[in-house]
PDB file of N, CA and C in Angstrom:
ATOM      1  N   MET A   1      -7.404   2.136  10.680  1.00  0.00           N
ATOM      2  CA  MET A   1      -8.487   1.625   9.987  1.00  0.00           C
ATOM      3  C   MET A   1      -8.053   1.563   8.342  1.00  0.00           C
ATOM      4  N   VAL A   2      -6.438   2.224   8.143  1.00  0.00           N
ATOM      5  CA  VAL A   2      -6.036   2.611   6.561  1.00  0.00           C
ATOM      6  C   VAL A   2      -5.751   0.965   6.602  1.00  0.00           C
ATOM      7  N   ALA A   3      -5.441   0.445   7.504  1.00  0.00           N
ATOM      8  CA  ALA A   3      -4.413  -1.174   7.676  1.00  0.00           C
ATOM      9  C   ALA A   3      -6.162  -2.115   7.409  1.00  0.00           C
ATOM     10  N   PHE A   4      -7.039  -1.924   7.903  1.00  0.00           N
ATOM     11  CA  PHE A   4      -7.760  -2.559   7.733  1.00  0.00           C
ATOM     12  C   PHE A   4      -9.028  -2.665   6.353  1.00  0.00           C
ATOM     13  N   ILE A   5      -8.845  -1.539   6.131  1.00  0.00           N
ATOM     14  CA  ILE A   5      -8.998  -0.888   4.272  1.00  0.00           C
ATOM     15  C   ILE A   5      -8.088  -2.419   3.575  1.00  0.00           C
ATOM     16  N   VAL A   6      -6.619  -1.784   3.669  1.00  0.00           N
ATOM     17  CA  VAL A   6      -5.743  -2.659   3.215  1.00  0.00           C
ATOM     18  C   VAL A   6      -6.640  -4.431   3.132  1.00  0.00           C
ATOM     19  N   SER A   7      -6.425  -4.500   4.319  1.00  0.00           N
ATOM     20  CA  SER A   7      -6.533  -5.970   4.754  1.00  0.00           C
ATOM     21  C   SER A   7      -7.827  -6.918   4.117  1.00  0.00           C
ATOM     22  N   ALA A   8      -8.586  -6.404   3.773  1.00  0.00           N
ATOM     23  CA  ALA A   8     -10.190  -6.044   3.278  1.00  0.00           C
ATOM     24  C   ALA A   8      -9.836  -6.476   1.936  1.00  0.00           C
ATOM     25  N   VAL A   9      -9.197  -5.601   1.615  1.00  0.00           N
ATOM     26  CA  VAL A   9      -9.546  -5.304  -0.015  1.00  0.00           C
ATOM     27  C   VAL A   9      -8.585  -6.319  -0.530  1.00  0.00           C
ATOM     28  N   ALA A  10      -7.337  -6.909   0.031  1.00  0.00           N
ATOM     29  CA  ALA A  10      -6.655  -7.867   0.419  1.00  0.00           C
ATOM     30  C   ALA A  10      -7.246  -9.247   0.111  1.00  0.00           C
ATOM     31  N   THR A  11      -8.213  -9.502   1.002  1.00  0.00           N
ATOM     32  CA  THR A  11      -8.927 -10.778   0.689  1.00  0.00           C
ATOM     33  C   THR A  11      -9.978 -10.230   0.074  1.00  0.00           C
ATOM     34  N   ALA A  12     -10.584  -9.690  -0.303  1.00  0.00           N
ATOM     35  CA  ALA A  12     -12.162  -9.589  -1.467  1.00  0.00           C
ATOM     36  C   ALA A  12     -10.303  -9.982  -2.267  1.00  0.00           C
ATOM     37  N   GLY A  13      -9.612  -9.429  -2.658  1.00  0.00           N
ATOM     38  CA  GLY A  13      -9.275  -9.666  -3.961  1.00  0.00           C
ATOM     39  C   GLY A  13      -8.236 -11.332  -4.125  1.00  0.00           C
ATOM     40  N   LEU A  14      -7.878 -12.078  -2.766  1.00  0.00           N
ATOM     41  CA  LEU A  14      -7.949 -13.081  -3.050  1.00  0.00           C
ATOM     42  C   LEU A  14      -8.730 -13.727  -3.810  1.00  0.00           C
ATOM     43  N   VAL A  15     -10.467 -14.209  -3.035  1.00  0.00           N
ATOM     44  CA  VAL A  15     -11.169 -14.178  -2.749  1.00  0.00           C
ATOM     45  C   VAL A  15     -11.843 -14.203  -4.460  1.00  0.00           C
ATOM     46  N   PHE A  16     -11.470 -12.752  -4.641  1.00  0.00           N
ATOM     47  CA  PHE A  16     -12.246 -12.453  -5.955  1.00  0.00           C
ATOM     48  C   PHE A  16     -11.495 -12.121  -7.110  1.00  0.00           C
ATOM     49  N   ALA A  17     -10.121 -12.951  -7.789  1.00  0.00           N
ATOM     50  CA  ALA A  17      -8.980 -13.018  -8.094  1.00  0.00           C
ATOM     51  C   ALA A  17      -9.351 -12.480  -9.608  1.00  0.00           C
ATOM     52  N   ALA A  18     -10.504 -12.858 -10.019  1.00  0.00           N
ATOM     53  CA  ALA A  18     -10.293 -13.072 -11.784  1.00  0.00           C
ATOM     54  C   ALA A  18     -12.190 -12.871 -12.234  1.00  0.00           C
ATOM     55  N   SER A  19     -11.226 -11.716 -13.125  1.00  0.00           N
ATOM     56  CA  SER A  19     -12.428 -10.905 -13.993  1.00  0.00           C
ATOM     57  C   SER A  19     -14.067 -11.896 -14.423  1.00  0.00           C
ATOM     58  N   VAL A  20     -14.555 -11.615 -14.256  1.00  0.00           N
ATOM     59  CA  VAL A  20     -16.262 -12.215 -14.497  1.00  0.00           C
ATOM     60  C   VAL A  20     -17.283 -11.829 -15.506  1.00  0.00           C
ATOM     61  N   GLY A  21     -17.382 -12.312 -16.745  1.00  0.00           N
ATOM     62  CA  GLY A  21     -18.287 -11.641 -17.238  1.00  0.00           C
ATOM     63  C   GLY A  21     -17.754 -10.989 -18.798  1.00  0.00           C
ATOM     64  N   PRO A  22     -18.592 -11.019 -20.315  1.00  0.00           N
ATOM     65  CA  PRO A  22     -18.182 -10.436 -20.981  1.00  0.00           C
ATOM     66  C   PRO A  22     -16.860  -9.808 -21.006  1.00  0.00           C
ATOM     67  N   LYS A  23     -15.930 -10.755 -22.068  1.00  0.00           N
ATOM     68  CA  LYS A  23     -14.597  -9.985 -21.937  1.00  0.00           C
ATOM     69  C   LYS A  23     -14.526  -8.127 -22.618  1.00  0.00           C
ATOM     70  N   ALA A  24     -15.285  -8.238 -23.869  1.00  0.00           N
ATOM     71  CA  ALA A  24     -15.348  -6.121 -24.312  1.00  0.00           C
ATOM     72  C   ALA A  24     -16.100  -5.711 -23.086  1.00  0.00           C
ATOM     73  N   ASP A  25     -17.594  -6.489 -22.035  1.00  0.00           N
ATOM     74  CA  ASP A  25     -17.239  -5.566 -21.294  1.00  0.00           C
ATOM     75  C   ASP A  25     -16.577  -5.518 -19.904  1.00  0.00           C
ATOM     76  N   VAL A  26     -15.330  -6.200 -19.871  1.00  0.00           N
ATOM     77  CA  VAL A  26     -14.388  -6.341 -18.595  1.00  0.00           C
ATOM     78  C   VAL A  26     -13.684  -5.315 -18.880  1.00  0.00           C
ATOM     79  N   ALA A  27     -13.453  -5.219 -20.201  1.00  0.00           N
ATOM     80  CA  ALA A  27     -12.560  -4.525 -20.744  1.00  0.00           C
ATOM     81  C   ALA A  27     -12.560  -2.748 -20.958  1.00  0.00           C
ATOM     82  N   ALA A  28     -13.753  -2.646 -21.639  1.00  0.00           N
ATOM     83  CA  ALA A  28     -14.826  -1.383 -21.074  1.00  0.00           C
ATOM     84  C   ALA A  28     -15.072  -0.635 -19.942  1.00  0.00           C
ATOM     85  N   VAL A  29     -15.335  -1.513 -18.737  1.00  0.00           N
ATOM     86  CA  VAL A  29     -15.420  -1.328 -17.298  1.00  0.00           C
ATOM     87  C   VAL A  29     -13.962  -0.257 -17.013  1.00  0.00           C
ATOM     88  N   ARG A  30     -12.666  -1.462 -17.649  1.00  0.00           N
ATOM     89  CA  ARG A  30     -10.892  -0.682 -17.121  1.00  0.00           C
ATOM     90  C   ARG A  30     -11.297  -0.027 -17.761  1.00  0.00           C
ATOM     91  N   ALA A  31     -11.709   0.514 -18.888  1.00  0.00           N
ATOM     92  CA  ALA A  31     -11.161   2.078 -19.361  1.00  0.00           C
ATOM     93  C   ALA A  31     -12.120   2.618 -19.163  1.00  0.00           C
ATOM     94  N   ALA A  32     -13.072   2.028 -18.534  1.00  0.00           N
ATOM     95  CA  ALA A  32     -13.481   3.236 -17.722  1.00  0.00           C
ATOM     96  C   ALA A  32     -13.430   4.280 -16.178  1.00  0.00           C
ATOM     97  N   GLU A  33     -12.980   3.091 -15.629  1.00  0.00           N
ATOM     98  CA  GLU A  33     -12.218   3.119 -14.055  1.00  0.00           C
ATOM     99  C   GLU A  33     -10.742   3.924 -14.734  1.00  0.00           C
ATOM    100  N   HIS A  34     -10.155   3.682 -16.066  1.00  0.00           N
ATOM    101  CA  HIS A  34      -8.888   4.334 -15.923  1.00  0.00           C
ATOM    102  C   HIS A  34      -8.876   5.840 -16.209  1.00  0.00           C
ATOM    103  N   GLN A  35      -9.815   5.901 -16.355  1.00  0.00           N
ATOM    104  CA  GLN A  35      -9.755   7.030 -16.789  1.00  0.00           C
ATOM    105  C   GLN A  35      -9.856   8.481 -15.618  1.00  0.00           C
ATOM    106  N   LEU A  36     -10.538   7.718 -15.485  1.00  0.00           N
ATOM    107  CA  LEU A  36     -11.048   7.853 -13.487  1.00  0.00           C
ATOM    108  C   LEU A  36     -10.604   8.345 -12.675  1.00  0.00           C
ATOM    109  N   ALA A  37      -9.402   7.209 -12.580  1.00  0.00           N
ATOM    110  CA  ALA A  37      -8.609   7.121 -11.700  1.00  0.00           C
ATOM    111  C   ALA A  37      -7.312   6.347 -11.722  1.00  0.00           C
ATOM    112  N   PRO A  38      -6.421   6.875 -13.269  1.00  0.00           N
ATOM    113  CA  PRO A  38      -5.901   5.809 -13.933  1.00  0.00           C
ATOM    114  C   PRO A  38      -4.281   5.484 -12.901  1.00  0.00           C
ATOM    115  N   ASN A  39      -3.985   6.054 -11.520  1.00  0.00           N
ATOM    116  CA  ASN A  39      -3.344   5.591 -10.761  1.00  0.00           C
ATOM    117  C   ASN A  39      -3.582   4.216  -9.961  1.00  0.00           C
ATOM    118  N   ASN A  40      -4.673   3.473 -10.027  1.00  0.00           N
ATOM    119  CA  ASN A  40      -5.549   2.691  -8.969  1.00  0.00           C
ATOM    120  C   ASN A  40      -5.107   1.382 -10.274  1.00  0.00           C
ATOM    121  N   THR A  41      -4.248  -0.241  -9.379  1.00  0.00           N
ATOM    122  CA  THR A  41      -4.636  -0.657  -9.700  1.00  0.00           C
ATOM    123  C   THR A  41      -6.027  -1.518  -9.639  1.00  0.00           C
ATOM    124  N   ILE A  42      -6.193  -2.121 -11.018  1.00  0.00           N
ATOM    125  CA  ILE A  42      -7.313  -3.413 -10.790  1.00  0.00           C
ATOM    126  C   ILE A  42      -6.547  -3.836 -10.392  1.00  0.00           C
ATOM    127  N   VAL A  43      -7.911  -4.614  -9.516  1.00  0.00           N
ATOM    128  CA  VAL A  43      -7.640  -6.022  -9.369  1.00  0.00           C
ATOM    129  C   VAL A  43      -8.492  -7.255 -10.185  1.00  0.00           C
ATOM    130  N   ALA A  44     -10.161  -6.608 -10.148  1.00  0.00           N
ATOM    131  CA  ALA A  44     -10.592  -7.279 -11.062  1.00  0.00           C
ATOM    132  C   ALA A  44     -11.889  -7.148 -11.435  1.00  0.00           C
ATOM    133  N   VAL A  45     -12.968  -7.235 -12.274  1.00  0.00           N
ATOM    134  CA  VAL A  45     -14.306  -6.631 -12.862  1.00  0.00           C
ATOM    135  C   VAL A  45     -15.158  -7.891 -13.044  1.00  0.00           C
ATOM    136  N   HIS A  46     -16.436  -7.533 -12.256  1.00  0.00           N
ATOM    137  CA  HIS A  46     -17.626  -8.865 -12.727  1.00  0.00           C
ATOM    138  C   HIS A  46     -18.355  -8.135 -13.105  1.00  0.00           C
ATOM    139  N   VAL A  47     -19.012  -8.338 -14.087  1.00  0.00           N
ATOM    140  CA  VAL A  47     -20.116  -7.747 -14.674  1.00  0.00           C
ATOM    141  C   VAL A  47     -20.935  -8.873 -14.899  1.00  0.00           C
ATOM    142  N   VAL A  48     -22.684  -8.301 -14.753  1.00  0.00           N
ATOM    143  CA  VAL A  48     -23.646  -8.850 -14.445  1.00  0.00           C
ATOM    144  C   VAL A  48     -24.267  -7.989 -15.705  1.00  0.00           C
ATOM    145  N   GLY A  49     -25.299  -8.122 -16.405  1.00  0.00           N
ATOM    146  CA  GLY A  49     -25.670  -7.283 -17.419  1.00  0.00           C
ATOM    147  C   GLY A  49     -25.663  -5.865 -17.607  1.00  0.00           C
ATOM    148  N   ASP A  50     -25.706  -5.245 -16.690  1.00  0.00           N
ATOM    149  CA  ASP A  50     -26.398  -3.999 -17.555  1.00  0.00           C
ATOM    150  C   ASP A  50     -25.086  -3.363 -16.489  1.00  0.00           C
ATOM    151  N   TYR A  51     -24.371  -4.266 -15.368  1.00  0.00           N
ATOM    152  CA  TYR A  51     -24.037  -3.364 -13.652  1.00  0.00           C
ATOM    153  C   TYR A  51     -23.035  -4.423 -13.741  1.00  0.00           C
ATOM    154  N   ALA A  52     -21.776  -3.681 -12.878  1.00  0.00           N
ATOM    155  CA  ALA A  52     -20.702  -4.193 -12.623  1.00  0.00           C
ATOM    156  C   ALA A  52     -19.906  -3.330 -11.435  1.00  0.00           C
ATOM    157  N   VAL A  53     -18.991  -4.494 -10.837  1.00  0.00           N
ATOM    158  CA  VAL A  53     -17.883  -3.832 -10.068  1.00  0.00           C
ATOM    159  C   VAL A  53     -16.485  -4.448 -10.704  1.00  0.00           C
ATOM    160  N   LEU A  54     -15.955  -3.343  -9.893  1.00  0.00           N
ATOM    161  CA  LEU A  54     -14.700  -3.564 -10.498  1.00  0.00           C
ATOM    162  C   LEU A  54     -13.788  -2.697  -9.248  1.00  0.00           C
ATOM    163  N   HIS A  55     -12.798  -3.999  -8.343  1.00  0.00           N
ATOM    164  CA  HIS A  55     -12.033  -3.930  -7.084  1.00  0.00           C
ATOM    165  C   HIS A  55     -10.950  -2.952  -7.634  1.00  0.00           C
ATOM    166  N   TRP A  56     -11.006  -2.444  -6.731  1.00  0.00           N
ATOM    167  CA  TRP A  56      -9.263  -1.451  -7.282  1.00  0.00           C
ATOM    168  C   TRP A  56      -7.895  -1.591  -5.888  1.00  0.00           C
ATOM    169  N   ARG A  57      -7.309  -1.410  -6.308  1.00  0.00           N
ATOM    170  CA  ARG A  57      -5.833  -0.318  -5.133  1.00  0.00           C
ATOM    171  C   ARG A  57      -4.925   0.218  -5.760  1.00  0.00           C
ATOM    172  N   THR A  58      -4.891   0.839  -4.018  1.00  0.00           N
ATOM    173  CA  THR A  58      -3.446   1.518  -4.378  1.00  0.00           C
ATOM    174  C   THR A  58      -2.414   1.562  -3.538  1.00  0.00           C
ATOM    175  N   GLY A  59      -1.525   2.070  -3.272  1.00  0.00           N
ATOM    176  CA  GLY A  59      -0.201   1.806  -2.598  1.00  0.00           C
ATOM    177  C   GLY A  59      -0.838   1.838  -1.421  1.00  0.00           C
ATOM    178  N   HIS A  60      -1.811   1.883  -1.073  1.00  0.00           N
ATOM    179  CA  HIS A  60      -1.821   2.770   0.774  1.00  0.00           C
ATOM    180  C   HIS A  60      -3.317   1.921   1.314  1.00  0.00           C
ATOM    181  N   ALA A  61      -4.317   2.137  -0.100  1.00  0.00           N
ATOM    182  CA  ALA A  61      -5.974   1.778  -0.219  1.00  0.00           C
ATOM    183  C   ALA A  61      -7.027   0.949  -0.910  1.00  0.00           C
ATOM    184  N   GLY A  62      -7.266   0.391  -1.055  1.00  0.00           N
ATOM    185  CA  GLY A  62      -8.305  -0.325  -2.572  1.00  0.00           C
ATOM    186  C   GLY A  62     -10.048  -0.076  -1.644  1.00  0.00           C
ATOM    187  N   GLY A  63     -10.945  -0.235  -2.654  1.00  0.00           N
ATOM    188  CA  GLY A  63     -12.603  -0.321  -2.432  1.00  0.00           C
ATOM    189  C   GLY A  63     -12.854  -1.162  -4.034  1.00  0.00           C
ATOM    190  N   ALA A  64     -14.093  -0.708  -3.904  1.00  0.00           N
ATOM    191  CA  ALA A  64     -14.822  -0.660  -4.497  1.00  0.00           C
ATOM    192  C   ALA A  64     -15.251   0.301  -5.074  1.00  0.00           C
ATOM    193  N   ALA A  65     -15.399   0.045  -6.392  1.00  0.00           N
ATOM    194  CA  ALA A  65     -16.786   1.191  -7.401  1.00  0.00           C
ATOM    195  C   ALA A  65     -17.928   0.187  -8.902  1.00  0.00           C
ATOM    196  N   ILE A  66     -18.841   1.041  -8.611  1.00  0.00           N
ATOM    197  CA  ILE A  66     -20.020  -0.220  -9.224  1.00  0.00           C
ATOM    198  C   ILE A  66     -20.335   1.492 -10.624  1.00  0.00           C
ATOM    199  N   PHE A  67     -20.424   0.764 -11.613  1.00  0.00           N
ATOM    200  CA  PHE A  67     -20.728   0.862 -13.193  1.00  0.00           C
ATOM    201  C   PHE A  67     -22.135   0.454 -13.729  1.00  0.00           C
ATOM    202  N   LYS A  68     -22.386   1.383 -14.160  1.00  0.00           N
ATOM    203  CA  LYS A  68     -23.587   1.008 -15.260  1.00  0.00           C
ATOM    204  C   LYS A  68     -23.117   1.452 -16.557  1.00  0.00           C
ATOM    205  N   ARG A  69     -24.145   0.394 -16.891  1.00  0.00           N
ATOM    206  CA  ARG A  69     -24.239   0.575 -18.844  1.00  0.00           C
ATOM    207  C   ARG A  69     -24.587   1.826 -19.020  1.00  0.00           C
ATOM    208  N   VAL A  70     -24.398   2.807 -20.042  1.00  0.00           N
ATOM    209  CA  VAL A  70     -25.205   3.789 -20.411  1.00  0.00           C
ATOM    210  C   VAL A  70     -25.257   3.076 -21.471  1.00  0.00           C
ATOM    211  N   SER A  71     -25.259   2.707 -22.390  1.00  0.00           N
ATOM    212  CA  SER A  71     -25.191   2.955 -23.641  1.00  0.00           C
ATOM    213  C   SER A  71     -23.705   1.635 -24.553  1.00  0.00           C
ATOM    214  N   GLY A  72     -23.646   1.074 -25.237  1.00  0.00           N
ATOM    215  CA  GLY A  72     -23.324   0.121 -25.281  1.00  0.00           C
ATOM    216  C   GLY A  72     -22.241  -0.463 -24.969  1.00  0.00           C
ATOM    217  N   GLU A  73     -20.770   0.453 -25.196  1.00  0.00           N
ATOM    218  CA  GLU A  73     -19.804  -0.275 -24.420  1.00  0.00           C
ATOM    219  C   GLU A  73     -18.963   1.076 -23.469  1.00  0.00           C
ATOM    220  N   ARG A  74     -20.501   1.669 -23.040  1.00  0.00           N
ATOM    221  CA  ARG A  74     -19.897   2.799 -22.453  1.00  0.00           C
ATOM    222  C   ARG A  74     -20.546   3.066 -20.994  1.00  0.00           C
ATOM    223  N   TRP A  75     -19.661   3.154 -20.108  1.00  0.00           N
ATOM    224  CA  TRP A  75     -20.227   3.089 -18.667  1.00  0.00           C
ATOM    225  C   TRP A  75     -20.075   3.763 -17.893  1.00  0.00           C
ATOM    226  N   ASN A  76     -20.498   4.861 -16.908  1.00  0.00           N
ATOM    227  CA  ASN A  76     -20.726   5.326 -16.030  1.00  0.00           C
ATOM    228  C   ASN A  76     -20.487   5.136 -14.224  1.00  0.00           C
ATOM    229  N   LEU A  77     -19.971   5.692 -13.706  1.00  0.00           N
ATOM    230  CA  LEU A  77     -19.719   5.041 -11.856  1.00  0.00           C
ATOM    231  C   LEU A  77     -20.380   5.693 -11.523  1.00  0.00           C
ATOM    232  N   ILE A  78     -21.002   4.767 -10.513  1.00  0.00           N
ATOM    233  CA  ILE A  78     -22.427   4.948 -10.342  1.00  0.00           C
ATOM    234  C   ILE A  78     -22.623   5.597  -8.716  1.00  0.00           C
ATOM    235  N   MET A  79     -21.135   4.491  -8.241  1.00  0.00           N
ATOM    236  CA  MET A  79     -20.476   4.577  -6.673  1.00  0.00           C
ATOM    237  C   MET A  79     -18.935   4.233  -6.617  1.00  0.00           C
ATOM    238  N   GLY A  80     -18.177   5.210  -5.879  1.00  0.00           N
ATOM    239  CA  GLY A  80     -16.714   4.138  -5.464  1.00  0.00           C
ATOM    240  C   GLY A  80     -16.440   4.448  -4.502  1.00  0.00           C
ATOM    241  N   GLY A  81     -15.689   3.924  -3.866  1.00  0.00           N
ATOM    242  CA  GLY A  81     -14.890   4.032  -2.369  1.00  0.00           C
ATOM    243  C   GLY A  81     -14.293   3.135  -2.091  1.00  0.00           C
ATOM    244  N   GLY A  82     -13.740   3.227  -0.437  1.00  0.00           N
ATOM    245  CA  GLY A  82     -12.447   2.138  -0.265  1.00  0.00           C
ATOM    246  C   GLY A  82     -13.411   1.665   0.879  1.00  0.00           C
ATOM    247  N   GLY A  83     -12.731   0.649   0.950  1.00  0.00           N
ATOM    248  CA  GLY A  83     -14.032  -0.349   1.928  1.00  0.00           C
ATOM    249  C   GLY A  83     -14.156  -1.655   1.550  1.00  0.00           C
ATOM    250  N   ALA A  84     -15.053  -2.395   2.531  1.00  0.00           N
ATOM    251  CA  ALA A  84     -15.709  -3.670   1.924  1.00  0.00           C
ATOM    252  C   ALA A  84     -16.781  -2.901   1.275  1.00  0.00           C
ATOM    253  N   LEU A  85     -17.687  -3.638   0.252  1.00  0.00           N
ATOM    254  CA  LEU A  85     -18.930  -3.069   0.108  1.00  0.00           C
ATOM    255  C   LEU A  85     -19.219  -4.240  -0.125  1.00  0.00           C
ATOM    256  N   ARG A  86     -21.365  -3.933   0.092  1.00  0.00           N
ATOM    257  CA  ARG A  86     -22.007  -4.638   1.094  1.00  0.00           C
ATOM    258  C   ARG A  86     -22.925  -4.802  -0.314  1.00  0.00           C
ATOM    259  N   GLU A  87     -24.054  -5.717  -0.702  1.00  0.00           N
ATOM    260  CA  GLU A  87     -25.346  -5.684  -1.268  1.00  0.00           C
ATOM    261  C   GLU A  87     -25.764  -4.975  -1.637  1.00  0.00           C
ATOM    262  N   SER A  88     -26.415  -4.192   0.073  1.00  0.00           N
ATOM    263  CA  SER A  88     -27.439  -3.392   0.267  1.00  0.00           C
ATOM    264  C   SER A  88     -26.904  -1.688   0.026  1.00  0.00           C
ATOM    265  N   SER A  89     -25.669  -1.726  -0.093  1.00  0.00           N
ATOM    266  CA  SER A  89     -25.198  -0.490  -0.769  1.00  0.00           C
ATOM    267  C   SER A  89     -25.554  -0.542  -2.073  1.00  0.00           C
ATOM    268  N   LEU A  90     -25.034  -1.723  -3.123  1.00  0.00           N
ATOM    269  CA  LEU A  90     -25.658  -1.510  -4.760  1.00  0.00           C
ATOM    270  C   LEU A  90     -27.044  -1.315  -4.607  1.00  0.00           C
ATOM    271  N   VAL A  91     -28.042  -1.591  -4.358  1.00  0.00           N
ATOM    272  CA  VAL A  91     -30.082  -1.779  -3.960  1.00  0.00           C
ATOM    273  C   VAL A  91     -29.315  -0.184  -3.622  1.00  0.00           C
ATOM    274  N   GLN A  92     -29.026   0.282  -2.944  1.00  0.00           N
ATOM    275  CA  GLN A  92     -29.381   1.862  -2.644  1.00  0.00           C
ATOM    276  C   GLN A  92     -29.287   2.819  -3.978  1.00  0.00           C
ATOM    277  N   ASP A  93     -27.900   2.140  -4.175  1.00  0.00           N
ATOM    278  CA  ASP A  93     -27.667   3.446  -5.378  1.00  0.00           C
ATOM    279  C   ASP A  93     -27.961   3.085  -6.920  1.00  0.00           C
ATOM    280  N   GLY A  94     -29.292   1.952  -6.778  1.00  0.00           N
ATOM    281  CA  GLY A  94     -30.248   1.554  -7.610  1.00  0.00           C
ATOM    282  C   GLY A  94     -29.932   0.377  -8.542  1.00  0.00           C
ATOM    283  N   VAL A  95     -29.055  -0.494  -8.361  1.00  0.00           N
ATOM    284  CA  VAL A  95     -28.368  -2.099  -8.825  1.00  0.00           C
ATOM    285  C   VAL A  95     -29.665  -2.808  -8.495  1.00  0.00           C
ATOM    286  N   PRO A  96     -30.956  -3.668  -9.279  1.00  0.00           N
ATOM    287  CA  PRO A  96     -31.641  -4.225  -8.596  1.00  0.00           C
ATOM    288  C   PRO A  96     -31.239  -5.550  -7.927  1.00  0.00           C
ATOM    289  N   ALA A  97     -32.042  -5.830  -6.392  1.00  0.00           N
ATOM    290  CA  ALA A  97     -31.546  -6.463  -6.027  1.00  0.00           C
ATOM    291  C   ALA A  97     -31.223  -7.931  -6.989  1.00  0.00           C
ATOM    292  N   SER A  98     -31.580  -8.585  -7.178  1.00  0.00           N
ATOM    293  CA  SER A  98     -31.199  -9.919  -7.884  1.00  0.00           C
ATOM    294  C   SER A  98     -29.886  -9.743  -8.425  1.00  0.00           C
ATOM    295  N   VAL A  99     -28.939  -8.505  -9.226  1.00  0.00           N
ATOM    296  CA  VAL A  99     -27.930  -9.027 -10.158  1.00  0.00           C
ATOM    297  C   VAL A  99     -27.100  -7.973  -8.968  1.00  0.00           C
ATOM    298  N   ALA A 100     -27.476  -6.741  -7.847  1.00  0.00           N
ATOM    299  CA  ALA A 100     -26.547  -7.132  -7.297  1.00  0.00           C
ATOM    300  C   ALA A 100     -26.406  -8.344  -6.125  1.00  0.00           C
ATOM    301  N   ARG A 101     -27.029  -9.333  -6.057  1.00  0.00           N
ATOM    302  CA  ARG A 101     -26.595 -10.319  -4.980  1.00  0.00           C
ATOM    303  C   ARG A 101     -25.698 -10.877  -5.993  1.00  0.00           C
ATOM    304  N   GLN A 102     -26.199 -11.347  -7.439  1.00  0.00           N
ATOM    305  CA  GLN A 102     -25.122 -11.802  -8.036  1.00  0.00           C
ATOM    306  C   GLN A 102     -23.592 -11.458  -8.415  1.00  0.00           C
ATOM    307  N   LEU A 103     -23.854  -9.950  -8.381  1.00  0.00           N
ATOM    308  CA  LEU A 103     -22.473  -9.050  -8.202  1.00  0.00           C
ATOM    309  C   LEU A 103     -21.754  -9.162  -6.967  1.00  0.00           C
ATOM    310  N   CYS A 104     -22.073  -9.468  -5.707  1.00  0.00           N
ATOM    311  CA  CYS A 104     -21.389  -9.379  -4.554  1.00  0.00           C
ATOM    312  C   CYS A 104     -20.791 -11.282  -3.924  1.00  0.00           C
ATOM    313  N   LEU A 105     -21.119 -12.302  -5.388  1.00  0.00           N
ATOM    314  CA  LEU A 105     -20.654 -13.368  -4.999  1.00  0.00           C
ATOM    315  C   LEU A 105     -19.604 -13.501  -5.328  1.00  0.00           C
ATOM    316  N   PRO A 106     -18.776 -13.757  -5.095  1.00  0.00           N
ATOM    317  CA  PRO A 106     -18.147 -13.742  -3.531  1.00  0.00           C
ATOM    318  C   PRO A 106     -17.876 -13.767  -2.647  1.00  0.00           C
ATOM    319  N   SER A 107     -17.560 -11.621  -3.251  1.00  0.00           N
ATOM    320  CA  SER A 107     -17.129 -10.976  -2.689  1.00  0.00           C
ATOM    321  C   SER A 107     -17.550  -9.804  -1.704  1.00  0.00           C
ATOM    322  N   CYS A 108     -18.993  -9.932  -1.206  1.00  0.00           N
ATOM    323  CA  CYS A 108     -19.482  -9.391  -0.312  1.00  0.00           C
ATOM    324  C   CYS A 108     -19.853  -9.999   0.872  1.00  0.00           C
TER     325      CYS A 108
END
């Protein structure tokens, strides 16, 4: 199972290697993740409006975290975990469907 997760994240990292979105938002999401999990390596951040997907990895696993803007440059984690990310999971966690679709391009 761990090998599958690492493989999935490595593949996602190749497809989704660059951060996307306003630089200040990308930096703020990275900072929020670093406060929550300082040992994670952040692979990429994709920001669309008030939502962001952050892909992370460690030495043994990887996954994604979903953030929502609270105000200005303040972002809160709304979902995080290992393994593959699905558009339907984003919607279940409160991300509008149109935004979830954009956040998942090209990595979901």
